[in-house]
Protein backbone atom coordinates (compact mmCIF):
# COMPACT_ATOMS: atom_id res chain seq x y z
CA MET A 1 62.53 0.23 132.36
CA SER A 2 65.22 -2.23 131.25
CA ASN A 3 68.83 -1.27 131.67
CA GLY A 4 71.25 -1.62 128.73
CA VAL A 5 70.76 -1.74 124.99
CA THR A 6 69.88 -4.38 122.40
CA ILE A 7 72.51 -6.30 120.45
CA GLY A 8 71.80 -4.15 117.40
CA GLN A 9 72.34 -0.95 119.35
CA ALA A 10 75.46 -2.34 121.02
CA ALA A 11 76.91 -3.29 117.65
CA SER A 12 76.12 0.17 116.26
CA PHE A 13 77.63 1.97 119.26
CA ALA A 14 80.79 -0.21 119.11
CA GLY A 15 81.20 0.21 115.35
CA VAL A 16 80.78 -3.45 114.42
CA THR A 17 78.07 -5.67 112.96
CA VAL A 18 75.68 -7.87 114.88
CA LYS A 19 77.36 -10.85 113.24
CA THR A 20 80.70 -9.67 114.65
CA VAL A 21 79.24 -9.32 118.14
CA ARG A 22 77.95 -12.88 117.99
CA HIS A 23 81.34 -14.06 116.72
CA TYR A 24 83.03 -12.32 119.67
CA HIS A 25 80.63 -14.14 121.99
CA LYS A 26 81.47 -17.47 120.36
CA LEU A 27 85.21 -16.84 120.81
CA GLY A 28 84.75 -15.74 124.41
CA LEU A 29 86.00 -12.20 123.81
CA VAL A 30 82.86 -10.60 125.17
CA ALA A 31 80.56 -12.23 127.70
CA GLU A 32 77.02 -12.74 126.47
CA PRO A 33 74.64 -10.88 128.80
CA GLU A 34 71.70 -12.59 130.47
CA ARG A 35 68.24 -12.11 129.09
CA ASP A 36 65.97 -9.63 130.83
CA SER A 37 62.37 -10.25 131.89
CA SER A 38 61.24 -9.59 128.33
CA GLY A 39 63.54 -12.27 126.94
CA TYR A 40 66.03 -9.86 125.36
CA ARG A 41 69.73 -9.66 126.02
CA ARG A 42 70.70 -6.23 127.21
CA TYR A 43 74.21 -4.91 126.80
CA GLY A 44 75.54 -2.71 129.54
CA SER A 45 78.62 -0.52 129.72
CA ARG A 46 80.93 -3.42 130.61
CA GLU A 47 79.95 -5.39 127.50
CA LEU A 48 80.20 -2.27 125.37
CA LEU A 49 83.66 -1.56 126.76
CA HIS A 50 84.84 -5.07 125.86
CA LEU A 51 83.28 -4.77 122.40
CA VAL A 52 85.15 -1.54 121.75
CA GLN A 53 88.41 -2.97 123.13
CA ALA A 54 88.10 -6.16 121.08
CA ARG A 55 87.25 -4.21 117.90
CA THR A 56 90.19 -1.86 118.45
CA LEU A 57 92.69 -4.67 119.07
CA ALA A 58 91.42 -6.65 116.07
CA GLY A 59 91.67 -3.54 113.90
CA ALA A 60 95.27 -3.07 115.07
CA GLY A 61 96.17 -6.53 113.82
CA VAL A 62 95.90 -8.59 116.99
CA PRO A 63 94.70 -12.11 116.10
CA LEU A 64 91.24 -12.78 117.52
CA ALA A 65 92.51 -15.84 119.38
CA GLU A 66 94.90 -13.62 121.37
CA ILE A 67 92.48 -10.86 122.31
CA ALA A 68 90.73 -12.53 125.26
CA PRO A 69 93.91 -12.94 127.37
CA MET A 70 94.87 -9.34 126.61
CA LEU A 71 91.54 -8.01 127.83
CA ASP A 72 92.17 -9.63 131.21
CA ALA A 73 95.90 -8.83 131.38
CA ASP A 74 97.54 -6.34 133.72
CA ALA A 75 99.38 -3.35 132.26
CA ALA A 76 102.77 -5.09 132.05
CA ARG A 77 101.45 -8.22 130.30
CA PHE A 78 99.33 -6.07 128.00
CA ARG A 79 102.40 -4.09 126.87
CA THR A 80 104.36 -7.31 126.34
CA ALA A 81 101.56 -8.78 124.23
CA LEU A 82 101.32 -5.59 122.18
CA ALA A 83 105.06 -5.61 121.58
CA ASP A 84 104.86 -9.19 120.30
CA VAL A 85 102.01 -8.30 117.93
CA GLU A 86 103.96 -5.27 116.71
CA ARG A 87 106.99 -7.46 115.98
CA ARG A 88 104.91 -9.84 113.91
CA LEU A 89 103.21 -7.00 112.09
CA THR A 90 106.62 -5.51 111.25
CA GLU A 91 107.70 -8.86 109.80
CA SER A 92 104.48 -9.04 107.78
CA ILE A 93 105.01 -5.51 106.49
CA ALA A 94 108.52 -6.42 105.36
CA GLU A 95 107.20 -9.51 103.58
CA LEU A 96 104.39 -7.57 101.90
CA THR A 97 106.82 -4.84 100.87
CA ALA A 98 109.07 -7.47 99.28
CA ARG A 99 106.07 -8.89 97.40
CA ARG A 100 105.11 -5.42 96.20
CA ASP A 101 108.67 -4.81 95.01
CA THR A 102 108.52 -8.10 93.10
CA LEU A 103 105.31 -6.94 91.42
CA HIS A 104 107.05 -3.71 90.42
CA ARG A 105 109.96 -5.69 89.04
CA LEU A 106 107.55 -7.90 87.09
CA ALA A 107 106.09 -4.77 85.54
CA ASP A 108 109.65 -3.84 84.58
CA GLY A 109 110.12 -7.12 82.71
CA ASP A 110 113.26 -9.15 83.30
CA ARG A 111 114.19 -7.63 86.65
CA ALA A 112 111.79 -9.86 88.59
CA LEU A 113 113.76 -12.97 87.65
CA LEU A 114 117.24 -11.68 86.93
CA PRO A 115 119.76 -9.40 88.69
CA ASP A 116 120.80 -6.06 87.26
CA ARG A 117 124.03 -7.49 85.82
CA ALA A 118 122.08 -9.98 83.70
CA CYS A 119 119.54 -7.36 82.61
CA ALA A 120 122.38 -5.10 81.51
CA LEU A 121 123.72 -7.91 79.31
CA LEU A 122 120.33 -8.39 77.67
CA GLU A 123 120.15 -4.66 76.98
CA ARG A 124 123.64 -4.81 75.42
CA MET A 125 122.54 -7.63 73.14
CA THR A 126 119.61 -5.54 71.97
CA ASP A 127 121.84 -2.50 71.47
CA LEU A 128 124.26 -4.63 69.43
CA GLY A 129 121.43 -5.48 67.08
CA PHE A 130 120.85 -9.11 68.02
CA ASP A 131 117.57 -10.59 66.85
CA PRO A 132 114.78 -10.36 69.48
CA ASP A 133 114.34 -14.15 69.39
CA TYR A 134 118.03 -14.62 70.19
CA VAL A 135 117.80 -12.17 73.10
CA ALA A 136 114.68 -13.95 74.35
CA ALA A 137 116.50 -17.31 74.20
CA GLN A 138 119.44 -15.83 76.14
CA ARG A 139 117.03 -14.42 78.72
CA GLU A 140 115.46 -17.83 79.23
CA ALA A 141 118.89 -19.46 79.45
CA MET A 142 119.87 -16.96 82.15
CA VAL A 143 116.72 -17.67 84.16
CA LEU A 144 117.35 -21.41 83.92
CA ALA A 145 121.05 -21.07 84.77
CA ARG A 146 120.34 -18.95 87.81
CA ALA A 147 117.73 -21.40 89.09
CA LEU A 148 119.51 -24.66 88.24
CA VAL A 149 123.18 -23.77 88.85
CA PRO A 150 123.12 -20.75 91.20
CA THR A 151 126.77 -21.13 92.25
CA GLY A 152 127.84 -21.05 88.62
CA PHE A 153 125.60 -18.18 87.55
CA GLU A 154 128.17 -15.40 87.92
CA GLY A 155 130.61 -17.39 85.78
CA PHE A 156 127.87 -17.84 83.19
CA LEU A 157 127.41 -14.07 83.06
CA ALA A 158 131.17 -13.48 82.95
CA GLN A 159 131.40 -15.71 79.88
CA LEU A 160 128.61 -13.76 78.15
CA GLU A 161 130.31 -10.46 79.03
CA THR A 162 133.56 -11.73 77.59
CA GLY A 163 131.84 -12.62 74.34
CA LEU A 164 130.04 -9.29 74.02
CA ASP A 165 133.31 -7.43 74.58
CA ASP A 166 134.85 -9.21 71.57
CA PRO A 167 133.70 -7.70 68.23
CA GLU A 168 134.80 -10.78 66.32
CA TYR A 169 132.83 -13.09 68.60
CA VAL A 170 129.80 -10.79 68.24
CA ASP A 171 130.08 -11.06 64.45
CA LEU A 172 130.29 -14.84 64.69
CA THR A 173 127.21 -14.87 66.90
CA ARG A 174 125.35 -12.82 64.31
CA ARG A 175 126.39 -15.39 61.71
CA ALA A 176 125.01 -18.09 63.98
CA GLN A 177 121.66 -16.27 63.94
CA GLU A 178 121.75 -16.14 60.14
CA ALA A 179 122.52 -19.86 60.14
CA GLU A 180 119.02 -20.52 61.50
CA ALA A 181 117.87 -20.47 57.86
CA TRP A 182 120.41 -23.13 56.80
CA ASP A 183 119.83 -26.85 56.58
CA PRO A 184 121.20 -28.60 59.71
CA ASP A 185 123.52 -30.68 57.49
CA ASP A 186 124.92 -27.67 55.66
CA PRO A 187 128.76 -27.94 55.80
CA ARG A 188 128.90 -24.27 56.78
CA VAL A 189 127.49 -25.23 60.19
CA GLU A 190 130.61 -27.22 61.06
CA GLU A 191 132.81 -24.46 59.69
CA LEU A 192 131.06 -21.89 61.87
CA ALA A 193 131.33 -24.17 64.91
CA GLY A 194 135.09 -24.33 64.36
CA ALA A 195 135.31 -20.55 64.15
CA LEU A 196 133.28 -20.11 67.35
CA ALA A 197 135.39 -22.65 69.24
CA ASN A 198 138.66 -21.08 68.03
CA ARG A 199 137.51 -17.62 69.03
CA TYR A 200 136.49 -18.87 72.45
CA LEU A 201 139.88 -20.50 72.95
CA ALA A 202 141.73 -17.41 71.70
CA ASN A 203 140.08 -15.15 74.24
CA ALA A 204 142.14 -15.23 77.42
CA ALA A 205 139.57 -13.41 79.55
CA PRO A 206 138.45 -15.31 82.69
CA ARG A 207 135.37 -17.49 82.38
CA GLY A 208 134.39 -17.53 86.04
CA ASP A 209 136.06 -18.28 89.37
CA ASP A 210 136.97 -21.76 90.58
CA ALA A 211 133.69 -22.21 92.47
CA SER A 212 131.71 -21.39 89.35
CA LEU A 213 133.75 -23.77 87.18
CA ARG A 214 133.36 -26.57 89.74
CA ALA A 215 129.60 -25.96 89.90
CA TRP A 216 129.23 -26.34 86.15
CA ALA A 217 131.51 -29.37 86.05
CA LYS A 218 129.10 -31.16 88.43
CA ALA A 219 125.94 -29.96 86.69
CA SER A 220 125.67 -32.23 83.66
CA ALA A 221 121.90 -32.70 83.88
CA GLN A 222 121.27 -29.01 84.44
CA TYR A 223 123.68 -28.06 81.66
CA GLN A 224 121.83 -30.33 79.26
CA LEU A 225 118.47 -28.81 80.19
CA ILE A 226 119.78 -25.30 79.61
CA ASN A 227 121.60 -26.08 76.37
CA THR A 228 118.74 -28.06 74.83
CA HIS A 229 116.13 -25.45 75.69
CA ARG A 230 114.39 -24.41 72.46
CA ALA A 231 116.36 -27.06 70.53
CA ASP A 232 113.14 -28.23 68.88
CA GLN A 233 112.57 -24.71 67.60
CA ALA A 234 116.11 -24.18 66.31
CA PRO A 235 117.68 -27.44 65.02
CA VAL A 236 120.59 -25.62 63.36
CA ALA A 237 121.42 -23.85 66.63
CA ALA A 238 121.30 -27.17 68.48
CA ARG A 239 123.71 -28.79 66.03
CA LEU A 240 125.97 -25.73 66.05
CA THR A 241 126.15 -25.84 69.84
CA ALA A 242 126.88 -29.56 69.88
CA LEU A 243 129.66 -29.22 67.30
CA THR A 244 131.20 -26.22 69.07
CA GLU A 245 131.18 -28.04 72.41
CA ALA A 246 132.77 -31.12 70.88
CA LYS A 247 135.64 -29.01 69.51
CA LEU A 248 136.11 -27.28 72.86
CA ARG A 249 136.19 -30.58 74.75
CA ALA A 250 138.72 -31.89 72.26
CA ALA A 251 140.85 -28.85 73.06
CA GLY A 252 140.66 -29.60 76.78
CA VAL A 253 137.91 -27.21 77.93
CA PRO A 254 136.15 -28.95 80.89
CA LEU A 255 132.55 -28.63 79.72
CA PRO A 256 129.92 -30.84 81.37
CA ARG A 257 128.97 -33.93 79.41
CA ARG A 258 125.48 -34.14 77.97
């Protein structure tokens, strides 16, 4: 009577597939037993023990390439190897948790791409009755500003907060939305640009710290990309912005050049 069991039985007893057993052989995790007189490979208790150990380590997250040395390690080296695997698993868990949190923030809309301070500003715009298209354009501008001029982003938000705190500036912004229906050459566009520039200059609230102002001063290309976003969809808004900026520069406001 032959000692040991067939590969199919060994796989079943160890809780793996025959394919997995053969893969373990190929990687050198479990020695392949010799064939018996009938030509079959018979798995004894030693092979079964290594199969169970390899399956357990793999299931615990140990890379297959690292299992063979662990099977032959003494108790001290085995504990050290386990500690290293645990450290890497902990790092992976943290990374996966961060990815899951990002997915949750994506489900919550803006919060995947913008900080809470920016999201609060978008909510204020909606509460103030701004048109959804205007809020969407501001959202996109925030995303671009944060990505393209990260050092100046807080100053960008501070400027928006300043504007939303000023009822007169809010009214002017609403007028700018209404101006979308005007012809770009309508003389009222230049009049509105003058009113927006004057209101901006009259508001003494801070527009960002020195680092933020320096960041924007050096970001001409980025500034142009942000300010011309959607320009093809809103030609009046593009002209209004250009006129307002020209008046501010003439008054000495250090805006980046287009």
